[in-house]
């Protein structure tokens, strides 16, 4: 997508289709909720966030979302936060 607003619009259009499968509807509803939350949490950004950005926005403590400033501790598996 070009930007987050267009992605939200596309998801809303998909949900207005009565023939969408239950699985697609559930996925699209969850994605739309995450996109709206991301937009609210990052008002100055307009890019279309990746699935990882959406996940990390709602799960900042997840190991997939950690950012290591000290690469030595990353390579050795020690957590500088402990």
C-alpha atoms as a PDB file:
ATOM      1  CA  UNK A   1       0.000   0.000   0.000  1.00  0.00           C
ATOM      2  CA  UNK A   2       0.991   3.602  -0.511  1.00  0.00           C
ATOM      3  CA  UNK A   3       0.228   4.678   3.039  1.00  0.00           C
ATOM      4  CA  UNK A   4      -1.618   3.664   6.184  1.00  0.00           C
ATOM      5  CA  UNK A   5      -4.784   5.581   5.259  1.00  0.00           C
ATOM      6  CA  UNK A   6      -5.118   3.714   1.959  1.00  0.00           C
ATOM      7  CA  UNK A   7      -4.517   0.404   3.757  1.00  0.00           C
ATOM      8  CA  UNK A   8      -7.259   1.214   6.292  1.00  0.00           C
ATOM      9  CA  UNK A   9      -9.594   2.186   3.443  1.00  0.00           C
ATOM     10  CA  UNK A  10      -8.848  -1.080   1.596  1.00  0.00           C
ATOM     11  CA  UNK A  11      -9.555  -3.146   4.709  1.00  0.00           C
ATOM     12  CA  UNK A  12     -12.825  -1.289   5.324  1.00  0.00           C
ATOM     13  CA  UNK A  13     -13.864  -1.956   1.718  1.00  0.00           C
ATOM     14  CA  UNK A  14     -13.051  -5.649   2.132  1.00  0.00           C
ATOM     15  CA  UNK A  15     -15.177  -5.837   5.264  1.00  0.00           C
ATOM     16  CA  UNK A  16     -18.130  -4.264   3.460  1.00  0.00           C
ATOM     17  CA  UNK A  17     -18.174  -7.235   1.058  1.00  0.00           C
ATOM     18  CA  UNK A  18     -20.798  -9.717   2.321  1.00  0.00           C
ATOM     19  CA  UNK A  19     -19.175 -12.590   0.390  1.00  0.00           C
ATOM     20  CA  UNK A  20     -15.844 -12.439   2.243  1.00  0.00           C
ATOM     21  CA  UNK A  21     -14.956 -15.714   3.942  1.00  0.00           C
ATOM     22  CA  UNK A  22     -15.112 -15.895   7.758  1.00  0.00           C
ATOM     23  CA  UNK A  23     -11.349 -16.448   7.922  1.00  0.00           C
ATOM     24  CA  UNK A  24     -10.612 -13.438   5.708  1.00  0.00           C
ATOM     25  CA  UNK A  25     -13.074 -11.336   7.675  1.00  0.00           C
ATOM     26  CA  UNK A  26     -11.406 -12.243  10.988  1.00  0.00           C
ATOM     27  CA  UNK A  27      -7.922 -11.527   9.608  1.00  0.00           C
ATOM     28  CA  UNK A  28      -9.006  -8.228   8.063  1.00  0.00           C
ATOM     29  CA  UNK A  29     -10.786  -7.108  11.244  1.00  0.00           C
ATOM     30  CA  UNK A  30      -7.681  -7.850  13.329  1.00  0.00           C
ATOM     31  CA  UNK A  31      -5.429  -6.089  10.822  1.00  0.00           C
ATOM     32  CA  UNK A  32      -7.735  -3.067  10.668  1.00  0.00           C
ATOM     33  CA  UNK A  33      -7.767  -2.805  14.457  1.00  0.00           C
ATOM     34  CA  UNK A  34      -3.952  -2.967  14.545  1.00  0.00           C
ATOM     35  CA  UNK A  35      -3.633  -0.358  11.765  1.00  0.00           C
ATOM     36  CA  UNK A  36      -5.955   2.055  13.550  1.00  0.00           C
ATOM     37  CA  UNK A  37      -4.068   1.594  16.840  1.00  0.00           C
ATOM     38  CA  UNK A  38      -0.732   2.115  15.055  1.00  0.00           C
ATOM     39  CA  UNK A  39      -2.013   5.298  13.419  1.00  0.00           C
ATOM     40  CA  UNK A  40      -3.219   6.593  16.782  1.00  0.00           C
ATOM     41  CA  UNK A  41       0.111   5.756  18.467  1.00  0.00           C
ATOM     42  CA  UNK A  42       2.198   7.273  15.633  1.00  0.00           C
ATOM     43  CA  UNK A  43       0.300  10.369  14.465  1.00  0.00           C
ATOM     44  CA  UNK A  44       3.259  11.828  12.556  1.00  0.00           C
ATOM     45  CA  UNK A  45       3.819   8.737  10.407  1.00  0.00           C
ATOM     46  CA  UNK A  46       1.892   8.006   7.236  1.00  0.00           C
ATOM     47  CA  UNK A  47       3.797   5.012   5.799  1.00  0.00           C
ATOM     48  CA  UNK A  48       2.089   1.636   5.655  1.00  0.00           C
ATOM     49  CA  UNK A  49       3.571  -0.311   8.581  1.00  0.00           C
ATOM     50  CA  UNK A  50       4.869  -3.833   8.125  1.00  0.00           C
ATOM     51  CA  UNK A  51       3.288  -6.730  10.018  1.00  0.00           C
ATOM     52  CA  UNK A  52       6.313  -6.698  12.347  1.00  0.00           C
ATOM     53  CA  UNK A  53       5.802  -2.997  13.086  1.00  0.00           C
ATOM     54  CA  UNK A  54       2.146  -3.648  13.886  1.00  0.00           C
ATOM     55  CA  UNK A  55       3.049  -6.581  16.125  1.00  0.00           C
ATOM     56  CA  UNK A  56       5.766  -4.672  17.972  1.00  0.00           C
ATOM     57  CA  UNK A  57       3.478  -1.703  18.461  1.00  0.00           C
ATOM     58  CA  UNK A  58       1.111  -3.887  20.481  1.00  0.00           C
ATOM     59  CA  UNK A  59       3.774  -6.224  21.955  1.00  0.00           C
ATOM     60  CA  UNK A  60       6.813  -4.022  22.664  1.00  0.00           C
ATOM     61  CA  UNK A  61       8.296  -6.481  25.172  1.00  0.00           C
ATOM     62  CA  UNK A  62       8.305  -9.426  22.757  1.00  0.00           C
ATOM     63  CA  UNK A  63      11.744 -10.827  21.992  1.00  0.00           C
ATOM     64  CA  UNK A  64      11.168 -10.202  18.266  1.00  0.00           C
ATOM     65  CA  UNK A  65      10.817  -6.484  19.028  1.00  0.00           C
ATOM     66  CA  UNK A  66      13.901  -5.927  21.130  1.00  0.00           C
ATOM     67  CA  UNK A  67      16.492  -3.530  19.855  1.00  0.00           C
ATOM     68  CA  UNK A  68      20.027  -4.207  21.008  1.00  0.00           C
ATOM     69  CA  UNK A  69      22.350  -1.251  21.310  1.00  0.00           C
ATOM     70  CA  UNK A  70      25.133  -3.524  22.500  1.00  0.00           C
ATOM     71  CA  UNK A  71      25.734  -6.157  19.786  1.00  0.00           C
ATOM     72  CA  UNK A  72      28.115  -8.085  22.044  1.00  0.00           C
ATOM     73  CA  UNK A  73      25.297  -9.020  24.395  1.00  0.00           C
ATOM     74  CA  UNK A  74      23.106  -9.943  21.412  1.00  0.00           C
ATOM     75  CA  UNK A  75      25.709 -12.305  19.985  1.00  0.00           C
ATOM     76  CA  UNK A  76      26.445 -13.914  23.339  1.00  0.00           C
ATOM     77  CA  UNK A  77      22.781 -14.283  24.251  1.00  0.00           C
ATOM     78  CA  UNK A  78      23.041 -12.217  27.425  1.00  0.00           C
ATOM     79  CA  UNK A  79      20.329  -9.713  28.021  1.00  0.00           C
ATOM     80  CA  UNK A  80      21.649  -6.276  28.985  1.00  0.00           C
ATOM     81  CA  UNK A  81      18.308  -5.546  30.646  1.00  0.00           C
ATOM     82  CA  UNK A  82      18.725  -8.245  33.283  1.00  0.00           C
END
